[in-house]
PDB file of N, CA and C in Angstrom:
ATOM      1  N   MET A   1      75.205 -93.152  32.178  1.00  0.00           N
ATOM      2  CA  MET A   1      75.765 -91.885  32.849  1.00  0.00           C
ATOM      3  C   MET A   1      76.535 -91.197  31.778  1.00  0.00           C
ATOM      4  N   ASN A   2      76.365 -89.845  32.070  1.00  0.00           N
ATOM      5  CA  ASN A   2      76.943 -89.039  30.858  1.00  0.00           C
ATOM      6  C   ASN A   2      78.507 -89.231  30.992  1.00  0.00           C
ATOM      7  N   HIS A   3      79.288 -89.496  30.197  1.00  0.00           N
ATOM      8  CA  HIS A   3      80.659 -89.594  29.989  1.00  0.00           C
ATOM      9  C   HIS A   3      81.510 -88.505  30.202  1.00  0.00           C
ATOM     10  N   GLU A   4      81.061 -87.248  29.999  1.00  0.00           N
ATOM     11  CA  GLU A   4      81.318 -85.786  30.393  1.00  0.00           C
ATOM     12  C   GLU A   4      81.563 -85.705  31.890  1.00  0.00           C
ATOM     13  N   ARG A   5      80.191 -86.154  32.452  1.00  0.00           N
ATOM     14  CA  ARG A   5      80.433 -86.134  33.730  1.00  0.00           C
ATOM     15  C   ARG A   5      81.113 -86.984  34.534  1.00  0.00           C
ATOM     16  N   LEU A   6      81.163 -88.256  34.134  1.00  0.00           N
ATOM     17  CA  LEU A   6      82.060 -89.297  34.784  1.00  0.00           C
ATOM     18  C   LEU A   6      83.797 -88.657  34.811  1.00  0.00           C
ATOM     19  N   THR A   7      84.035 -87.997  33.413  1.00  0.00           N
ATOM     20  CA  THR A   7      85.331 -87.457  33.577  1.00  0.00           C
ATOM     21  C   THR A   7      85.641 -86.265  34.567  1.00  0.00           C
ATOM     22  N   GLN A   8      84.643 -85.686  35.050  1.00  0.00           N
ATOM     23  CA  GLN A   8      84.749 -84.475  36.040  1.00  0.00           C
ATOM     24  C   GLN A   8      84.462 -85.091  37.374  1.00  0.00           C
ATOM     25  N   VAL A   9      84.090 -86.289  37.821  1.00  0.00           N
ATOM     26  CA  VAL A   9      83.918 -86.842  39.046  1.00  0.00           C
ATOM     27  C   VAL A   9      85.066 -86.894  39.839  1.00  0.00           C
ATOM     28  N   LEU A  10      86.251 -87.654  39.219  1.00  0.00           N
ATOM     29  CA  LEU A  10      87.499 -87.579  40.008  1.00  0.00           C
ATOM     30  C   LEU A  10      88.165 -86.456  39.597  1.00  0.00           C
ATOM     31  N   ARG A  11      88.870 -85.938  41.013  1.00  0.00           N
ATOM     32  CA  ARG A  11      89.377 -84.823  41.175  1.00  0.00           C
ATOM     33  C   ARG A  11      90.955 -84.940  40.950  1.00  0.00           C
ATOM     34  N   ARG A  12      91.442 -86.076  42.138  1.00  0.00           N
ATOM     35  CA  ARG A  12      92.892 -86.109  42.176  1.00  0.00           C
ATOM     36  C   ARG A  12      93.057 -87.344  43.342  1.00  0.00           C
ATOM     37  N   PRO A  13      94.290 -88.272  43.003  1.00  0.00           N
ATOM     38  CA  PRO A  13      94.157 -89.221  44.176  1.00  0.00           C
ATOM     39  C   PRO A  13      94.854 -88.411  45.158  1.00  0.00           C
ATOM     40  N   ILE A  14      94.734 -89.246  46.517  1.00  0.00           N
ATOM     41  CA  ILE A  14      95.175 -88.450  47.600  1.00  0.00           C
ATOM     42  C   ILE A  14      96.239 -89.412  48.241  1.00  0.00           C
ATOM     43  N   VAL A  15      97.380 -89.103  48.339  1.00  0.00           N
ATOM     44  CA  VAL A  15      98.520 -89.903  48.729  1.00  0.00           C
ATOM     45  C   VAL A  15      99.147 -89.386  50.093  1.00  0.00           C
ATOM     46  N   THR A  16      98.751 -89.845  51.304  1.00  0.00           N
ATOM     47  CA  THR A  16      99.274 -89.346  52.707  1.00  0.00           C
ATOM     48  C   THR A  16      99.580 -90.776  53.069  1.00  0.00           C
ATOM     49  N   GLU A  17     100.117 -90.557  54.524  1.00  0.00           N
ATOM     50  CA  GLU A  17     100.290 -91.746  55.302  1.00  0.00           C
ATOM     51  C   GLU A  17      98.950 -92.783  55.278  1.00  0.00           C
ATOM     52  N   LYS A  18      98.150 -91.968  55.664  1.00  0.00           N
ATOM     53  CA  LYS A  18      96.896 -92.917  56.060  1.00  0.00           C
ATOM     54  C   LYS A  18      96.402 -93.590  54.854  1.00  0.00           C
ATOM     55  N   SER A  19      96.308 -92.847  53.611  1.00  0.00           N
ATOM     56  CA  SER A  19      95.976 -93.680  52.116  1.00  0.00           C
ATOM     57  C   SER A  19      96.877 -94.523  52.010  1.00  0.00           C
ATOM     58  N   THR A  20      98.131 -94.447  52.167  1.00  0.00           N
ATOM     59  CA  THR A  20      99.011 -95.524  52.040  1.00  0.00           C
ATOM     60  C   THR A  20      98.728 -96.630  52.720  1.00  0.00           C
ATOM     61  N   ARG A  21      98.619 -96.338  53.639  1.00  0.00           N
ATOM     62  CA  ARG A  21      98.643 -97.568  54.859  1.00  0.00           C
ATOM     63  C   ARG A  21      97.151 -98.337  54.525  1.00  0.00           C
ATOM     64  N   VAL A  22      95.970 -97.522  54.287  1.00  0.00           N
ATOM     65  CA  VAL A  22      94.978 -98.209  53.815  1.00  0.00           C
ATOM     66  C   VAL A  22      95.123 -98.973  52.849  1.00  0.00           C
ATOM     67  N   ARG A  23      95.682 -98.674  51.872  1.00  0.00           N
ATOM     68  CA  ARG A  23      95.981 -98.965  50.592  1.00  0.00           C
ATOM     69  C   ARG A  23      96.777-100.476  50.754  1.00  0.00           C
ATOM     70  N   ALA A  24      97.557-100.541  51.398  1.00  0.00           N
ATOM     71  CA  ALA A  24      98.262-101.700  51.600  1.00  0.00           C
ATOM     72  C   ALA A  24      97.580-102.890  52.497  1.00  0.00           C
ATOM     73  N   GLU A  25      96.904-102.360  53.394  1.00  0.00           N
ATOM     74  CA  GLU A  25      96.071-103.328  54.376  1.00  0.00           C
ATOM     75  C   GLU A  25      94.645-103.720  53.800  1.00  0.00           C
ATOM     76  N   ALA A  26      93.707-102.690  53.160  1.00  0.00           N
ATOM     77  CA  ALA A  26      92.407-103.338  52.636  1.00  0.00           C
ATOM     78  C   ALA A  26      92.208-102.791  51.106  1.00  0.00           C
ATOM     79  N   ASN A  27      93.337-102.971  50.391  1.00  0.00           N
ATOM     80  CA  ASN A  27      93.105-102.788  48.874  1.00  0.00           C
ATOM     81  C   ASN A  27      92.378-101.542  48.632  1.00  0.00           C
ATOM     82  N   GLN A  28      92.535-100.412  49.351  1.00  0.00           N
ATOM     83  CA  GLN A  28      91.462 -99.175  49.100  1.00  0.00           C
ATOM     84  C   GLN A  28      92.465 -98.009  48.530  1.00  0.00           C
ATOM     85  N   LEU A  29      91.837 -97.232  47.878  1.00  0.00           N
ATOM     86  CA  LEU A  29      92.367 -96.272  47.162  1.00  0.00           C
ATOM     87  C   LEU A  29      91.667 -94.647  47.611  1.00  0.00           C
ATOM     88  N   ALA A  30      92.231 -93.680  47.952  1.00  0.00           N
ATOM     89  CA  ALA A  30      91.524 -92.325  48.422  1.00  0.00           C
ATOM     90  C   ALA A  30      91.830 -91.558  47.051  1.00  0.00           C
ATOM     91  N   PHE A  31      90.387 -90.860  46.722  1.00  0.00           N
ATOM     92  CA  PHE A  31      90.291 -89.816  45.798  1.00  0.00           C
ATOM     93  C   PHE A  31      89.640 -88.599  46.466  1.00  0.00           C
ATOM     94  N   GLU A  32      89.870 -87.381  45.890  1.00  0.00           N
ATOM     95  CA  GLU A  32      89.169 -86.276  46.251  1.00  0.00           C
ATOM     96  C   GLU A  32      88.089 -86.293  44.988  1.00  0.00           C
ATOM     97  N   VAL A  33      86.812 -86.196  45.328  1.00  0.00           N
ATOM     98  CA  VAL A  33      85.833 -86.299  44.142  1.00  0.00           C
ATOM     99  C   VAL A  33      85.004 -85.060  44.167  1.00  0.00           C
ATOM    100  N   ALA A  34      84.322 -84.898  43.281  1.00  0.00           N
ATOM    101  CA  ALA A  34      83.216 -83.552  42.973  1.00  0.00           C
ATOM    102  C   ALA A  34      82.235 -83.999  44.442  1.00  0.00           C
ATOM    103  N   LYS A  35      82.121 -82.435  44.771  1.00  0.00           N
ATOM    104  CA  LYS A  35      81.138 -82.637  45.672  1.00  0.00           C
ATOM    105  C   LYS A  35      79.662 -83.361  45.475  1.00  0.00           C
ATOM    106  N   GLY A  36      79.225 -82.964  44.267  1.00  0.00           N
ATOM    107  CA  GLY A  36      77.709 -83.715  43.878  1.00  0.00           C
ATOM    108  C   GLY A  36      77.923 -84.808  43.769  1.00  0.00           C
ATOM    109  N   ALA A  37      79.284 -85.855  43.656  1.00  0.00           N
ATOM    110  CA  ALA A  37      79.065 -86.648  43.226  1.00  0.00           C
ATOM    111  C   ALA A  37      78.302 -88.012  44.030  1.00  0.00           C
ATOM    112  N   ASN A  38      77.884 -89.033  43.262  1.00  0.00           N
ATOM    113  CA  ASN A  38      77.516 -90.258  44.337  1.00  0.00           C
ATOM    114  C   ASN A  38      78.212 -91.362  43.960  1.00  0.00           C
ATOM    115  N   LYS A  39      78.057 -92.229  44.915  1.00  0.00           N
ATOM    116  CA  LYS A  39      78.850 -93.494  44.893  1.00  0.00           C
ATOM    117  C   LYS A  39      78.814 -94.320  43.652  1.00  0.00           C
ATOM    118  N   ARG A  40      77.482 -94.479  43.056  1.00  0.00           N
ATOM    119  CA  ARG A  40      77.414 -95.104  41.800  1.00  0.00           C
ATOM    120  C   ARG A  40      78.344 -94.354  40.889  1.00  0.00           C
ATOM    121  N   GLU A  41      78.443 -92.951  40.587  1.00  0.00           N
ATOM    122  CA  GLU A  41      79.134 -92.210  39.730  1.00  0.00           C
ATOM    123  C   GLU A  41      80.617 -92.643  39.916  1.00  0.00           C
ATOM    124  N   ILE A  42      80.951 -92.548  41.278  1.00  0.00           N
ATOM    125  CA  ILE A  42      82.426 -92.612  41.492  1.00  0.00           C
ATOM    126  C   ILE A  42      82.754 -93.771  41.141  1.00  0.00           C
ATOM    127  N   LYS A  43      81.977 -94.930  41.593  1.00  0.00           N
ATOM    128  CA  LYS A  43      82.479 -96.377  40.980  1.00  0.00           C
ATOM    129  C   LYS A  43      82.544 -96.396  39.546  1.00  0.00           C
ATOM    130  N   LYS A  44      81.566 -95.921  38.742  1.00  0.00           N
ATOM    131  CA  LYS A  44      81.773 -96.282  37.337  1.00  0.00           C
ATOM    132  C   LYS A  44      82.829 -95.284  36.860  1.00  0.00           C
ATOM    133  N   ALA A  45      83.202 -94.084  37.172  1.00  0.00           N
ATOM    134  CA  ALA A  45      84.354 -93.237  37.040  1.00  0.00           C
ATOM    135  C   ALA A  45      85.525 -93.981  37.188  1.00  0.00           C
ATOM    136  N   VAL A  46      85.504 -94.540  38.216  1.00  0.00           N
ATOM    137  CA  VAL A  46      87.366 -95.400  38.475  1.00  0.00           C
ATOM    138  C   VAL A  46      86.966 -96.571  37.661  1.00  0.00           C
ATOM    139  N   GLU A  47      86.072 -97.211  37.376  1.00  0.00           N
ATOM    140  CA  GLU A  47      86.064 -98.510  36.397  1.00  0.00           C
ATOM    141  C   GLU A  47      86.418 -97.920  34.988  1.00  0.00           C
ATOM    142  N   ASP A  48      85.783 -97.136  34.648  1.00  0.00           N
ATOM    143  CA  ASP A  48      86.232 -96.640  33.360  1.00  0.00           C
ATOM    144  C   ASP A  48      87.548 -95.885  33.146  1.00  0.00           C
ATOM    145  N   ARG A  49      87.904 -95.092  33.864  1.00  0.00           N
ATOM    146  CA  ARG A  49      89.496 -94.516  33.802  1.00  0.00           C
ATOM    147  C   ARG A  49      90.559 -95.702  33.965  1.00  0.00           C
ATOM    148  N   PHE A  50      90.261 -96.494  35.002  1.00  0.00           N
ATOM    149  CA  PHE A  50      91.867 -97.259  35.268  1.00  0.00           C
ATOM    150  C   PHE A  50      91.410 -98.318  34.799  1.00  0.00           C
ATOM    151  N   GLY A  51      90.496 -99.067  34.189  1.00  0.00           N
ATOM    152  CA  GLY A  51      90.006-100.378  34.085  1.00  0.00           C
ATOM    153  C   GLY A  51      89.909-101.304  34.831  1.00  0.00           C
ATOM    154  N   VAL A  52      89.648-101.330  36.047  1.00  0.00           N
ATOM    155  CA  VAL A  52      89.699-102.216  37.231  1.00  0.00           C
ATOM    156  C   VAL A  52      88.320-102.577  37.743  1.00  0.00           C
ATOM    157  N   GLN A  53      88.068-103.366  38.719  1.00  0.00           N
ATOM    158  CA  GLN A  53      86.820-103.568  39.291  1.00  0.00           C
ATOM    159  C   GLN A  53      86.417-103.273  40.507  1.00  0.00           C
ATOM    160  N   VAL A  54      85.571-102.429  40.828  1.00  0.00           N
ATOM    161  CA  VAL A  54      85.546-101.699  42.314  1.00  0.00           C
ATOM    162  C   VAL A  54      84.675-102.461  42.906  1.00  0.00           C
ATOM    163  N   GLU A  55      84.732-102.687  44.196  1.00  0.00           N
ATOM    164  CA  GLU A  55      83.805-103.703  45.353  1.00  0.00           C
ATOM    165  C   GLU A  55      83.165-102.874  46.209  1.00  0.00           C
ATOM    166  N   LYS A  56      83.347-101.704  46.241  1.00  0.00           N
ATOM    167  CA  LYS A  56      82.804-100.979  47.246  1.00  0.00           C
ATOM    168  C   LYS A  56      83.374 -99.436  47.359  1.00  0.00           C
ATOM    169  N   VAL A  57      82.364 -98.307  47.564  1.00  0.00           N
ATOM    170  CA  VAL A  57      82.817 -97.103  47.582  1.00  0.00           C
ATOM    171  C   VAL A  57      82.257 -96.613  48.817  1.00  0.00           C
ATOM    172  N   THR A  58      83.201 -95.674  49.668  1.00  0.00           N
ATOM    173  CA  THR A  58      82.720 -95.145  50.858  1.00  0.00           C
ATOM    174  C   THR A  58      83.273 -93.575  50.961  1.00  0.00           C
ATOM    175  N   THR A  59      82.555 -92.792  50.929  1.00  0.00           N
ATOM    176  CA  THR A  59      82.489 -91.183  51.128  1.00  0.00           C
ATOM    177  C   THR A  59      82.488 -90.338  52.216  1.00  0.00           C
ATOM    178  N   THR A  60      83.200 -89.467  52.247  1.00  0.00           N
ATOM    179  CA  THR A  60      83.144 -88.732  53.554  1.00  0.00           C
ATOM    180  C   THR A  60      83.140 -87.204  52.993  1.00  0.00           C
ATOM    181  N   ASN A  61      82.546 -86.238  53.676  1.00  0.00           N
ATOM    182  CA  ASN A  61      82.548 -85.021  53.322  1.00  0.00           C
ATOM    183  C   ASN A  61      83.759 -84.077  54.742  1.00  0.00           C
ATOM    184  N   VAL A  62      84.693 -83.480  53.897  1.00  0.00           N
ATOM    185  CA  VAL A  62      85.786 -83.045  54.574  1.00  0.00           C
ATOM    186  C   VAL A  62      85.476 -81.579  54.874  1.00  0.00           C
ATOM    187  N   LYS A  63      85.098 -80.779  56.168  1.00  0.00           N
ATOM    188  CA  LYS A  63      85.096 -79.479  56.345  1.00  0.00           C
ATOM    189  C   LYS A  63      86.425 -78.767  56.105  1.00  0.00           C
ATOM    190  N   GLY A  64      86.376 -77.643  55.484  1.00  0.00           N
ATOM    191  CA  GLY A  64      87.485 -76.816  55.449  1.00  0.00           C
ATOM    192  C   GLY A  64      87.829 -76.193  56.573  1.00  0.00           C
ATOM    193  N   LYS A  65      89.202 -75.815  56.854  1.00  0.00           N
ATOM    194  CA  LYS A  65      89.833 -75.450  58.067  1.00  0.00           C
ATOM    195  C   LYS A  65      89.670 -73.864  58.038  1.00  0.00           C
ATOM    196  N   PRO A  66      89.572 -73.217  59.251  1.00  0.00           N
ATOM    197  CA  PRO A  66      89.731 -71.821  59.144  1.00  0.00           C
ATOM    198  C   PRO A  66      91.274 -71.419  59.213  1.00  0.00           C
ATOM    199  N   LYS A  67      91.444 -70.459  58.351  1.00  0.00           N
ATOM    200  CA  LYS A  67      93.195 -70.188  58.181  1.00  0.00           C
ATOM    201  C   LYS A  67      92.998 -68.625  58.498  1.00  0.00           C
ATOM    202  N   ARG A  68      94.432 -68.024  58.901  1.00  0.00           N
ATOM    203  CA  ARG A  68      94.408 -66.538  59.066  1.00  0.00           C
ATOM    204  C   ARG A  68      95.601 -66.214  58.013  1.00  0.00           C
ATOM    205  N   PHE A  69      95.609 -65.157  57.274  1.00  0.00           N
ATOM    206  CA  PHE A  69      96.559 -64.679  56.540  1.00  0.00           C
ATOM    207  C   PHE A  69      96.968 -63.264  57.082  1.00  0.00           C
ATOM    208  N   GLY A  70      97.959 -63.152  58.129  1.00  0.00           N
ATOM    209  CA  GLY A  70      98.033 -61.871  58.852  1.00  0.00           C
ATOM    210  C   GLY A  70      96.940 -61.635  59.369  1.00  0.00           C
ATOM    211  N   ARG A  71      96.060 -60.403  59.230  1.00  0.00           N
ATOM    212  CA  ARG A  71      95.079 -60.095  59.939  1.00  0.00           C
ATOM    213  C   ARG A  71      93.770 -60.538  59.028  1.00  0.00           C
ATOM    214  N   ILE A  72      94.146 -60.929  58.122  1.00  0.00           N
ATOM    215  CA  ILE A  72      92.859 -61.439  57.256  1.00  0.00           C
ATOM    216  C   ILE A  72      92.443 -62.917  57.621  1.00  0.00           C
ATOM    217  N   GLN A  73      91.165 -63.114  58.098  1.00  0.00           N
ATOM    218  CA  GLN A  73      90.947 -64.268  58.440  1.00  0.00           C
ATOM    219  C   GLN A  73      90.170 -65.273  57.276  1.00  0.00           C
ATOM    220  N   GLY A  74      90.159 -66.178  56.846  1.00  0.00           N
ATOM    221  CA  GLY A  74      89.658 -67.028  55.735  1.00  0.00           C
ATOM    222  C   GLY A  74      89.412 -68.298  56.025  1.00  0.00           C
ATOM    223  N   ARG A  75      89.069 -69.157  55.063  1.00  0.00           N
ATOM    224  CA  ARG A  75      88.325 -70.502  55.469  1.00  0.00           C
ATOM    225  C   ARG A  75      88.589 -71.115  54.000  1.00  0.00           C
ATOM    226  N   ARG A  76      89.503 -72.482  54.517  1.00  0.00           N
ATOM    227  CA  ARG A  76      89.618 -73.313  53.219  1.00  0.00           C
ATOM    228  C   ARG A  76      88.352 -73.731  52.854  1.00  0.00           C
ATOM    229  N   SER A  77      87.900 -74.151  51.532  1.00  0.00           N
ATOM    230  CA  SER A  77      86.617 -74.929  51.052  1.00  0.00           C
ATOM    231  C   SER A  77      86.433 -76.382  51.388  1.00  0.00           C
ATOM    232  N   ASP A  78      85.281 -76.734  51.552  1.00  0.00           N
ATOM    233  CA  ASP A  78      84.753 -77.864  52.183  1.00  0.00           C
ATOM    234  C   ASP A  78      85.017 -78.898  50.730  1.00  0.00           C
ATOM    235  N   TRP A  79      85.292 -79.895  51.025  1.00  0.00           N
ATOM    236  CA  TRP A  79      85.556 -80.770  49.826  1.00  0.00           C
ATOM    237  C   TRP A  79      85.071 -82.573  50.120  1.00  0.00           C
ATOM    238  N   LYS A  80      84.848 -83.383  49.150  1.00  0.00           N
ATOM    239  CA  LYS A  80      84.468 -84.645  49.314  1.00  0.00           C
ATOM    240  C   LYS A  80      85.552 -85.791  49.241  1.00  0.00           C
ATOM    241  N   LYS A  81      85.655 -86.859  49.843  1.00  0.00           N
ATOM    242  CA  LYS A  81      86.769 -87.815  49.702  1.00  0.00           C
ATOM    243  C   LYS A  81      86.050 -89.040  49.498  1.00  0.00           C
ATOM    244  N   ALA A  82      86.671 -89.701  48.723  1.00  0.00           N
ATOM    245  CA  ALA A  82      86.023 -91.268  48.461  1.00  0.00           C
ATOM    246  C   ALA A  82      87.246 -92.408  49.064  1.00  0.00           C
ATOM    247  N   TYR A  83      87.046 -93.359  49.621  1.00  0.00           N
ATOM    248  CA  TYR A  83      87.585 -94.575  49.579  1.00  0.00           C
ATOM    249  C   TYR A  83      87.003 -95.426  48.585  1.00  0.00           C
ATOM    250  N   VAL A  84      87.791 -96.103  47.746  1.00  0.00           N
ATOM    251  CA  VAL A  84      87.259 -97.228  46.730  1.00  0.00           C
ATOM    252  C   VAL A  84      88.063 -98.340  47.100  1.00  0.00           C
ATOM    253  N   ARG A  85      87.382 -99.482  47.468  1.00  0.00           N
ATOM    254  CA  ARG A  85      87.820-100.781  47.486  1.00  0.00           C
ATOM    255  C   ARG A  85      87.763-101.779  46.295  1.00  0.00           C
ATOM    256  N   LEU A  86      89.105-102.227  45.778  1.00  0.00           N
ATOM    257  CA  LEU A  86      89.288-102.734  44.628  1.00  0.00           C
ATOM    258  C   LEU A  86      88.650-104.262  44.824  1.00  0.00           C
ATOM    259  N   ALA A  87      88.331-104.990  43.841  1.00  0.00           N
ATOM    260  CA  ALA A  87      88.367-106.291  43.968  1.00  0.00           C
ATOM    261  C   ALA A  87      89.677-106.935  44.078  1.00  0.00           C
ATOM    262  N   GLU A  88      89.615-108.235  45.003  1.00  0.00           N
ATOM    263  CA  GLU A  88      91.030-109.009  44.902  1.00  0.00           C
ATOM    264  C   GLU A  88      91.604-109.039  43.431  1.00  0.00           C
ATOM    265  N   GLY A  89      92.978-108.974  43.633  1.00  0.00           N
ATOM    266  CA  GLY A  89      93.843-108.967  42.519  1.00  0.00           C
ATOM    267  C   GLY A  89      94.120-107.854  41.525  1.00  0.00           C
ATOM    268  N   GLN A  90      92.842-106.941  41.759  1.00  0.00           N
ATOM    269  CA  GLN A  90      93.381-105.729  40.896  1.00  0.00           C
ATOM    270  C   GLN A  90      94.041-104.543  41.657  1.00  0.00           C
ATOM    271  N   ASP A  91      94.793-103.416  41.004  1.00  0.00           N
ATOM    272  CA  ASP A  91      95.459-102.431  41.286  1.00  0.00           C
ATOM    273  C   ASP A  91      95.895-101.354  40.409  1.00  0.00           C
ATOM    274  N   ILE A  92      95.878-100.219  40.809  1.00  0.00           N
ATOM    275  CA  ILE A  92      96.427 -99.154  40.201  1.00  0.00           C
ATOM    276  C   ILE A  92      97.297 -98.378  40.407  1.00  0.00           C
ATOM    277  N   ASP A  93      98.455 -98.361  39.450  1.00  0.00           N
ATOM    278  CA  ASP A  93      99.869 -97.973  39.898  1.00  0.00           C
ATOM    279  C   ASP A  93      99.742 -96.380  39.236  1.00  0.00           C
ATOM    280  N   PHE A  94      99.780 -95.410  40.102  1.00  0.00           N
ATOM    281  CA  PHE A  94      99.592 -93.946  39.837  1.00  0.00           C
ATOM    282  C   PHE A  94     101.170 -93.542  39.672  1.00  0.00           C
ATOM    283  N   PHE A  95     102.268 -94.188  39.945  1.00  0.00           N
ATOM    284  CA  PHE A  95     103.590 -93.633  39.715  1.00  0.00           C
ATOM    285  C   PHE A  95     104.356 -94.310  38.544  1.00  0.00           C
ATOM    286  N   GLY A  96     103.822 -95.462  38.082  1.00  0.00           N
ATOM    287  CA  GLY A  96     104.701 -96.037  37.174  1.00  0.00           C
ATOM    288  C   GLY A  96     105.816 -96.908  37.668  1.00  0.00           C
ATOM    289  N   ALA A  97     105.880 -97.098  38.774  1.00  0.00           N
ATOM    290  CA  ALA A  97     107.243 -97.744  39.591  1.00  0.00           C
ATOM    291  C   ALA A  97     107.306 -98.972  39.439  1.00  0.00           C
ATOM    292  N   GLU A  98     108.150 -99.835  39.373  1.00  0.00           N
ATOM    293  CA  GLU A  98     107.797-101.505  39.263  1.00  0.00           C
ATOM    294  C   GLU A  98     108.109-102.077  40.768  1.00  0.00           C
TER     295      GLU A  98
END
């Protein structure tokens, strides 16, 4: 796979109450990824960037919500979310906390 493509696959980690709970219970992390990314690209991108072993990748397409700005109606963009299960004993520390 193209190294330049892999650097564009992962957009940002998702840190919410749900993703924190899933991380503690199932050793899974949540990422916002490129809409055209497939599971193999996501797995390779996480392994290359963080130096961990990925066990499984699950993806979901998140639909954008309709929003109003005064009288103007708008809509947030659709995006893709990936849940990445790490192998036993693997971990990624985003915040550098001990």
